[in-house]
N, C-alpha and C. Protein backbone atom coordinates (compact mmCIF):
# COMPACT_ATOMS: atom_id res chain seq x y z
N MET A 1 -8.53 -10.88 1.80
CA MET A 1 -7.35 -10.87 2.67
C MET A 1 -6.26 -11.52 1.94
N ASN A 2 -5.10 -11.02 1.99
CA ASN A 2 -3.87 -11.70 1.34
C ASN A 2 -2.91 -11.99 2.46
N ALA A 3 -3.24 -12.96 3.29
CA ALA A 3 -2.42 -13.36 4.44
C ALA A 3 -1.15 -13.96 3.89
N LEU A 4 -0.04 -13.82 4.62
CA LEU A 4 1.25 -14.36 4.32
C LEU A 4 1.74 -15.19 5.50
N PRO A 5 2.38 -16.32 5.19
CA PRO A 5 3.07 -17.02 6.26
C PRO A 5 4.16 -16.13 6.87
N PRO A 6 4.42 -16.27 8.12
CA PRO A 6 5.49 -15.43 8.82
C PRO A 6 6.76 -15.23 8.12
N ALA A 7 7.33 -16.26 7.54
CA ALA A 7 8.60 -16.12 6.86
C ALA A 7 8.43 -15.25 5.60
N ASP A 8 7.35 -15.42 4.89
CA ASP A 8 7.09 -14.62 3.66
C ASP A 8 6.83 -13.10 4.14
N PHE A 9 6.16 -12.95 5.16
CA PHE A 9 5.92 -11.52 5.67
C PHE A 9 7.21 -10.90 6.06
N ALA A 10 7.99 -11.62 6.73
CA ALA A 10 9.35 -11.12 7.11
C ALA A 10 10.20 -10.69 5.88
N ALA A 11 10.12 -11.61 4.83
CA ALA A 11 10.89 -11.32 3.64
C ALA A 11 10.34 -10.10 2.97
N LEU A 12 9.02 -9.89 2.90
CA LEU A 12 8.51 -8.77 2.34
C LEU A 12 8.89 -7.49 3.04
N ALA A 13 8.78 -7.56 4.41
CA ALA A 13 9.22 -6.41 5.24
C ALA A 13 10.62 -6.09 5.03
N GLY A 14 11.50 -7.12 4.84
CA GLY A 14 12.92 -6.92 4.57
C GLY A 14 13.20 -6.28 3.32
N ALA A 15 12.37 -6.45 2.26
CA ALA A 15 12.50 -5.88 0.96
C ALA A 15 11.93 -4.54 0.81
N ALA A 16 11.25 -4.05 1.84
CA ALA A 16 10.48 -2.89 1.78
C ALA A 16 11.31 -1.58 1.64
N PHE A 17 10.75 -0.66 0.90
CA PHE A 17 11.34 0.70 0.91
C PHE A 17 10.99 1.35 2.32
N HIS A 18 9.85 1.09 2.81
CA HIS A 18 9.38 1.69 4.00
C HIS A 18 8.41 0.86 4.72
N ALA A 19 8.48 0.59 6.00
CA ALA A 19 7.56 -0.11 6.85
C ALA A 19 7.33 0.54 8.17
N ARG A 20 6.14 0.55 8.57
CA ARG A 20 5.85 1.22 9.79
C ARG A 20 4.72 0.47 10.47
N MET A 21 4.84 0.33 11.82
CA MET A 21 3.73 -0.28 12.65
C MET A 21 3.39 0.70 13.73
N ILE A 22 2.13 0.81 13.98
CA ILE A 22 1.65 1.59 15.11
C ILE A 22 1.14 0.54 16.11
N ALA A 23 1.65 0.65 17.40
CA ALA A 23 1.31 -0.35 18.39
C ALA A 23 0.17 0.29 19.27
N ALA A 24 -0.67 -0.62 19.73
CA ALA A 24 -1.72 -0.36 20.60
C ALA A 24 -1.04 -0.18 22.03
N PRO A 25 -1.76 0.37 23.01
CA PRO A 25 -1.08 0.53 24.32
C PRO A 25 -0.48 -0.78 24.89
N ASP A 26 -1.18 -1.93 24.51
CA ASP A 26 -0.66 -3.22 25.08
C ASP A 26 0.54 -3.74 24.21
N GLY A 27 0.96 -3.01 23.18
CA GLY A 27 1.99 -3.41 22.40
C GLY A 27 1.77 -4.22 21.16
N ALA A 28 0.47 -4.72 21.07
CA ALA A 28 -0.02 -5.37 19.93
C ALA A 28 -0.12 -4.41 18.72
N PRO A 29 0.08 -4.95 17.48
CA PRO A 29 -0.11 -4.06 16.35
C PRO A 29 -1.59 -3.50 16.17
N ALA A 30 -1.69 -2.15 16.15
CA ALA A 30 -2.88 -1.55 15.85
C ALA A 30 -3.06 -1.32 14.40
N ALA A 31 -1.93 -1.03 13.70
CA ALA A 31 -1.97 -0.78 12.26
C ALA A 31 -0.50 -0.94 11.68
N PHE A 32 -0.37 -1.23 10.41
CA PHE A 32 0.90 -1.29 9.85
C PHE A 32 0.78 -0.99 8.32
N LEU A 33 1.86 -0.58 7.76
CA LEU A 33 2.00 -0.30 6.31
C LEU A 33 3.36 -0.86 5.86
N ILE A 34 3.39 -1.49 4.74
CA ILE A 34 4.62 -1.94 4.04
C ILE A 34 4.54 -1.37 2.61
N ALA A 35 5.55 -0.61 2.25
CA ALA A 35 5.68 -0.03 0.93
C ALA A 35 6.91 -0.45 0.22
N LEU A 36 6.76 -0.64 -1.03
CA LEU A 36 7.94 -1.05 -1.91
C LEU A 36 8.27 0.11 -2.80
N SER A 37 9.33 0.03 -3.52
CA SER A 37 9.68 1.17 -4.45
C SER A 37 9.98 0.57 -5.83
N HIS A 38 10.28 1.45 -6.79
CA HIS A 38 10.63 1.08 -8.07
C HIS A 38 12.03 0.30 -8.04
N GLU A 39 12.78 0.40 -7.06
CA GLU A 39 14.01 -0.30 -6.90
C GLU A 39 13.87 -1.76 -6.37
N THR A 40 12.71 -2.03 -5.77
CA THR A 40 12.45 -3.36 -5.28
C THR A 40 12.15 -4.34 -6.41
N PRO A 41 12.75 -5.47 -6.45
CA PRO A 41 12.43 -6.46 -7.48
C PRO A 41 10.91 -6.74 -7.38
N PRO A 42 10.31 -7.12 -8.54
CA PRO A 42 8.79 -7.29 -8.54
C PRO A 42 8.34 -8.28 -7.41
N GLN A 43 7.37 -7.85 -6.75
CA GLN A 43 6.79 -8.58 -5.63
C GLN A 43 5.32 -8.95 -5.90
N GLY A 44 5.01 -9.28 -7.11
CA GLY A 44 3.76 -9.78 -7.42
C GLY A 44 3.27 -8.92 -8.71
N PRO A 45 2.10 -9.34 -9.26
CA PRO A 45 1.68 -8.60 -10.51
C PRO A 45 1.24 -7.17 -10.28
N ASN A 46 0.75 -6.82 -9.12
CA ASN A 46 0.40 -5.41 -8.97
C ASN A 46 1.57 -4.42 -8.84
N HIS A 47 2.61 -4.85 -8.07
CA HIS A 47 3.79 -4.10 -8.02
C HIS A 47 4.45 -4.01 -9.37
N ALA A 48 4.44 -5.20 -10.10
CA ALA A 48 5.04 -5.25 -11.47
C ALA A 48 4.26 -4.34 -12.39
N TRP A 49 3.02 -4.20 -12.29
CA TRP A 49 2.19 -3.22 -13.11
C TRP A 49 2.77 -1.81 -12.98
N PHE A 50 3.07 -1.40 -11.82
CA PHE A 50 3.61 -0.03 -11.65
C PHE A 50 5.04 -0.01 -12.15
N LEU A 51 5.88 -1.06 -11.95
CA LEU A 51 7.24 -1.06 -12.40
C LEU A 51 7.28 -0.92 -13.93
N GLY A 52 6.29 -1.40 -14.72
CA GLY A 52 6.15 -1.26 -16.07
C GLY A 52 5.79 0.07 -16.58
N ARG A 53 5.31 0.89 -15.70
CA ARG A 53 4.66 2.19 -16.18
C ARG A 53 5.19 3.40 -15.49
N HIS A 54 5.85 3.29 -14.38
CA HIS A 54 6.29 4.55 -13.66
C HIS A 54 7.76 4.36 -13.24
N PRO A 55 8.64 5.35 -13.61
CA PRO A 55 10.07 5.22 -13.32
C PRO A 55 10.48 5.28 -11.81
N ARG A 56 9.72 5.99 -11.03
CA ARG A 56 10.07 6.21 -9.64
C ARG A 56 8.73 6.40 -8.81
N PHE A 57 8.64 5.55 -7.78
CA PHE A 57 7.42 5.52 -6.95
C PHE A 57 7.63 4.84 -5.67
N ALA A 58 6.74 5.04 -4.73
CA ALA A 58 6.58 4.24 -3.58
C ALA A 58 5.18 3.58 -3.65
N TYR A 59 5.18 2.26 -3.49
CA TYR A 59 3.95 1.50 -3.69
C TYR A 59 3.48 0.80 -2.46
N VAL A 60 2.30 1.12 -2.04
CA VAL A 60 1.70 0.48 -0.85
C VAL A 60 1.33 -0.94 -1.12
N ASP A 61 2.20 -1.85 -0.66
CA ASP A 61 1.81 -3.34 -0.83
C ASP A 61 0.89 -3.83 0.17
N ARG A 62 0.96 -3.25 1.43
CA ARG A 62 0.02 -3.79 2.48
C ARG A 62 -0.20 -2.56 3.44
N VAL A 63 -1.46 -2.47 3.81
CA VAL A 63 -1.85 -1.52 4.82
C VAL A 63 -2.95 -2.15 5.53
N VAL A 64 -2.81 -2.32 6.90
CA VAL A 64 -3.84 -3.05 7.70
C VAL A 64 -4.04 -2.19 8.94
N VAL A 65 -5.35 -1.94 9.26
CA VAL A 65 -5.66 -1.34 10.56
C VAL A 65 -6.61 -2.28 11.19
N ALA A 66 -6.25 -2.71 12.45
CA ALA A 66 -7.04 -3.72 13.22
C ALA A 66 -8.45 -3.12 13.40
N GLU A 67 -9.39 -4.01 13.32
CA GLU A 67 -10.84 -3.54 13.43
C GLU A 67 -11.04 -2.69 14.59
N ALA A 68 -10.51 -3.00 15.74
CA ALA A 68 -10.81 -2.25 16.95
C ALA A 68 -10.19 -0.78 16.87
N TRP A 69 -9.27 -0.60 15.97
CA TRP A 69 -8.63 0.70 15.84
C TRP A 69 -9.04 1.49 14.55
N GLN A 70 -9.96 0.96 13.80
CA GLN A 70 -10.41 1.64 12.58
C GLN A 70 -11.22 2.84 12.99
N GLY A 71 -11.18 3.86 12.05
CA GLY A 71 -11.91 5.12 12.31
C GLY A 71 -11.14 6.04 13.20
N ARG A 72 -9.97 5.86 13.59
CA ARG A 72 -9.18 6.69 14.47
C ARG A 72 -8.07 7.47 13.76
N GLY A 73 -8.02 7.38 12.48
CA GLY A 73 -7.05 8.17 11.72
C GLY A 73 -5.67 7.50 11.62
N LEU A 74 -5.57 6.22 11.94
CA LEU A 74 -4.26 5.55 11.81
C LEU A 74 -3.88 5.35 10.35
N GLY A 75 -4.78 5.03 9.42
CA GLY A 75 -4.53 4.94 8.06
C GLY A 75 -3.91 6.21 7.53
N ARG A 76 -4.49 7.31 7.86
CA ARG A 76 -3.89 8.55 7.41
C ARG A 76 -2.55 8.85 7.95
N VAL A 77 -2.38 8.49 9.21
CA VAL A 77 -0.98 8.67 9.80
C VAL A 77 0.01 7.84 9.03
N LEU A 78 -0.32 6.60 8.74
CA LEU A 78 0.61 5.70 7.98
C LEU A 78 0.94 6.26 6.59
N TYR A 79 -0.14 6.74 5.93
CA TYR A 79 0.07 7.29 4.59
C TYR A 79 0.89 8.61 4.56
N ASP A 80 0.58 9.43 5.58
CA ASP A 80 1.43 10.72 5.80
C ASP A 80 2.89 10.34 6.04
N ASP A 81 3.14 9.42 6.79
CA ASP A 81 4.50 8.94 7.14
C ASP A 81 5.18 8.41 5.90
N LEU A 82 4.46 7.63 5.08
CA LEU A 82 4.98 7.11 3.81
C LEU A 82 5.31 8.25 2.84
N ALA A 83 4.35 9.24 2.74
CA ALA A 83 4.63 10.36 1.89
C ALA A 83 5.82 11.08 2.30
N ALA A 84 6.02 11.31 3.59
CA ALA A 84 7.28 11.98 4.06
C ALA A 84 8.52 11.26 3.71
N ALA A 85 8.48 9.93 3.77
CA ALA A 85 9.65 9.12 3.45
C ALA A 85 9.94 9.23 1.95
N ALA A 86 8.81 9.14 1.16
CA ALA A 86 8.93 9.26 -0.34
C ALA A 86 9.48 10.55 -0.74
N ARG A 87 9.03 11.63 -0.17
CA ARG A 87 9.60 12.98 -0.54
C ARG A 87 11.07 13.04 -0.12
N ALA A 88 11.42 12.52 1.10
CA ALA A 88 12.84 12.55 1.48
C ALA A 88 13.71 11.82 0.51
N ALA A 89 13.13 10.74 -0.15
CA ALA A 89 13.87 9.99 -1.18
C ALA A 89 13.73 10.55 -2.59
N ALA A 90 12.99 11.73 -2.67
CA ALA A 90 12.76 12.33 -3.95
C ALA A 90 11.96 11.52 -4.87
N LEU A 91 11.06 10.80 -4.30
CA LEU A 91 10.08 9.95 -5.17
C LEU A 91 8.83 10.83 -5.45
N PRO A 92 8.41 10.90 -6.63
CA PRO A 92 7.33 11.82 -7.03
C PRO A 92 5.89 11.24 -6.89
N LEU A 93 5.80 10.01 -6.62
CA LEU A 93 4.50 9.29 -6.71
C LEU A 93 4.30 8.27 -5.69
N LEU A 94 3.08 8.27 -5.09
CA LEU A 94 2.60 7.14 -4.25
C LEU A 94 1.69 6.25 -5.20
N ALA A 95 1.73 5.01 -5.02
CA ALA A 95 0.93 4.04 -5.82
C ALA A 95 0.32 2.95 -4.93
N CYS A 96 -0.81 2.47 -5.46
CA CYS A 96 -1.43 1.38 -4.69
C CYS A 96 -2.53 0.75 -5.56
N GLU A 97 -3.17 -0.33 -5.10
CA GLU A 97 -4.40 -0.77 -5.82
C GLU A 97 -5.47 -1.05 -4.79
N VAL A 98 -6.67 -0.99 -5.23
CA VAL A 98 -7.86 -1.26 -4.34
C VAL A 98 -8.69 -2.29 -5.11
N ASN A 99 -9.20 -3.25 -4.46
CA ASN A 99 -9.98 -4.36 -5.02
C ASN A 99 -11.34 -3.75 -5.57
N LEU A 100 -11.69 -4.19 -6.83
CA LEU A 100 -12.92 -3.85 -7.43
C LEU A 100 -13.79 -5.11 -7.34
N ASP A 101 -13.25 -6.32 -7.43
CA ASP A 101 -14.00 -7.52 -7.27
C ASP A 101 -13.15 -8.52 -6.53
N PRO A 102 -13.32 -8.85 -5.23
CA PRO A 102 -14.48 -8.31 -4.54
C PRO A 102 -14.33 -6.75 -4.21
N PRO A 103 -15.46 -6.12 -4.21
CA PRO A 103 -15.34 -4.67 -4.07
C PRO A 103 -14.88 -4.27 -2.60
N ASN A 104 -14.18 -3.13 -2.59
CA ASN A 104 -13.78 -2.63 -1.32
C ASN A 104 -14.03 -1.04 -1.38
N PRO A 105 -15.35 -0.64 -1.16
CA PRO A 105 -15.75 0.73 -1.29
C PRO A 105 -15.11 1.57 -0.22
N VAL A 106 -14.93 1.01 0.97
CA VAL A 106 -14.37 1.87 2.12
C VAL A 106 -12.89 2.28 1.70
N SER A 107 -12.13 1.29 1.24
CA SER A 107 -10.77 1.56 0.81
C SER A 107 -10.70 2.60 -0.35
N MET A 108 -11.63 2.47 -1.30
CA MET A 108 -11.63 3.26 -2.40
C MET A 108 -11.95 4.74 -1.96
N ALA A 109 -12.92 4.92 -1.09
CA ALA A 109 -13.29 6.23 -0.57
C ALA A 109 -12.10 6.85 0.24
N PHE A 110 -11.42 5.98 1.00
CA PHE A 110 -10.34 6.54 1.87
C PHE A 110 -9.23 7.04 0.83
N HIS A 111 -8.89 6.25 -0.21
CA HIS A 111 -7.85 6.72 -1.11
C HIS A 111 -8.21 7.93 -1.91
N GLN A 112 -9.48 8.01 -2.36
CA GLN A 112 -9.99 9.14 -3.05
C GLN A 112 -9.95 10.44 -2.15
N LYS A 113 -10.25 10.22 -0.86
CA LYS A 113 -10.14 11.37 0.06
C LYS A 113 -8.71 11.84 0.27
N LEU A 114 -7.75 10.93 0.16
CA LEU A 114 -6.39 11.35 0.18
C LEU A 114 -5.83 11.94 -1.03
N GLY A 115 -6.56 11.92 -2.07
CA GLY A 115 -6.12 12.53 -3.37
C GLY A 115 -5.63 11.59 -4.40
N PHE A 116 -5.79 10.28 -4.19
CA PHE A 116 -5.42 9.27 -5.19
C PHE A 116 -6.35 9.35 -6.34
N VAL A 117 -5.81 9.16 -7.58
CA VAL A 117 -6.63 9.05 -8.81
C VAL A 117 -6.47 7.77 -9.54
N GLU A 118 -7.32 7.39 -10.40
CA GLU A 118 -7.22 6.17 -11.13
C GLU A 118 -6.09 6.16 -12.14
N ALA A 119 -5.42 5.08 -12.23
CA ALA A 119 -4.28 4.96 -13.16
C ALA A 119 -4.50 3.78 -14.09
N GLY A 120 -5.48 2.90 -13.79
CA GLY A 120 -5.74 1.70 -14.61
C GLY A 120 -6.44 0.58 -13.79
N ASP A 121 -6.66 -0.45 -14.46
CA ASP A 121 -7.31 -1.64 -13.86
C ASP A 121 -6.61 -2.87 -14.28
N GLY A 122 -6.73 -3.91 -13.44
CA GLY A 122 -6.09 -5.18 -13.74
C GLY A 122 -6.74 -6.27 -13.03
N THR A 123 -6.30 -7.51 -13.40
CA THR A 123 -6.78 -8.72 -12.71
C THR A 123 -5.54 -9.51 -12.24
N ASP A 124 -5.52 -9.88 -10.89
CA ASP A 124 -4.45 -10.63 -10.41
C ASP A 124 -4.62 -12.10 -10.81
N PRO A 125 -3.67 -12.57 -11.62
CA PRO A 125 -3.79 -13.93 -12.06
C PRO A 125 -3.69 -14.96 -11.02
N ARG A 126 -3.14 -14.64 -9.90
CA ARG A 126 -3.03 -15.61 -8.78
C ARG A 126 -4.33 -15.96 -8.10
N ASN A 127 -5.25 -14.98 -8.15
CA ASN A 127 -6.56 -15.21 -7.34
C ASN A 127 -7.76 -14.67 -8.14
N GLY A 128 -7.58 -14.07 -9.19
CA GLY A 128 -8.71 -13.59 -10.00
C GLY A 128 -9.31 -12.28 -9.48
N LYS A 129 -8.67 -11.62 -8.52
CA LYS A 129 -9.22 -10.41 -7.97
C LYS A 129 -9.04 -9.25 -8.99
N ARG A 130 -10.09 -8.52 -9.31
CA ARG A 130 -9.95 -7.32 -10.10
C ARG A 130 -9.58 -6.16 -9.26
N VAL A 131 -8.68 -5.33 -9.73
CA VAL A 131 -8.17 -4.22 -8.91
C VAL A 131 -8.19 -2.90 -9.81
N ARG A 132 -8.19 -1.84 -9.04
CA ARG A 132 -8.01 -0.51 -9.67
C ARG A 132 -6.68 0.06 -9.15
N TYR A 133 -5.89 0.45 -10.07
CA TYR A 133 -4.60 1.01 -9.76
C TYR A 133 -4.80 2.51 -9.49
N LEU A 134 -4.19 2.99 -8.48
CA LEU A 134 -4.35 4.42 -8.07
C LEU A 134 -2.93 5.02 -7.82
N VAL A 135 -2.87 6.25 -8.13
CA VAL A 135 -1.63 7.06 -7.84
C VAL A 135 -1.95 8.39 -7.32
N LYS A 136 -0.92 8.95 -6.57
CA LYS A 136 -1.04 10.23 -6.01
C LYS A 136 0.35 10.97 -6.24
N ALA A 137 0.33 12.03 -6.94
CA ALA A 137 1.54 12.86 -7.16
C ALA A 137 1.92 13.54 -5.85
N LEU A 138 3.19 13.54 -5.52
CA LEU A 138 3.64 14.19 -4.34
C LEU A 138 4.26 15.55 -4.76
N ARG A 139 4.06 16.58 -3.98
CA ARG A 139 4.54 17.87 -4.18
C ARG A 139 5.74 18.12 -3.25
């Protein structure tokens, strides 16, 4: 988990290329996604990795689905929404990373099912987490 203090979260959302929240019936967040782009100043080593390798992209910085709402397709809705926004901005690529250590096989399977492919591996110097960088070309 990469929790942020509220002020840092607000700053990240303010810098976002795209942000979306899906509310539960009671108004509480059921899921959200924050994406950055190639125009966003570096927001950490993973975003910087893509900045150094791809000229135009939308990068998923955070996607969270509350445990009670998992398995209901909200992740796919958020990614479809991001893909539509990226296409509207003529961005050819979606980008993200998935943890290898500690492993996150559920996230890896989700991204592979959506058509993401491996673009490289890295280690986050802030916390030592190993990640796999993934990309998906948009048509």
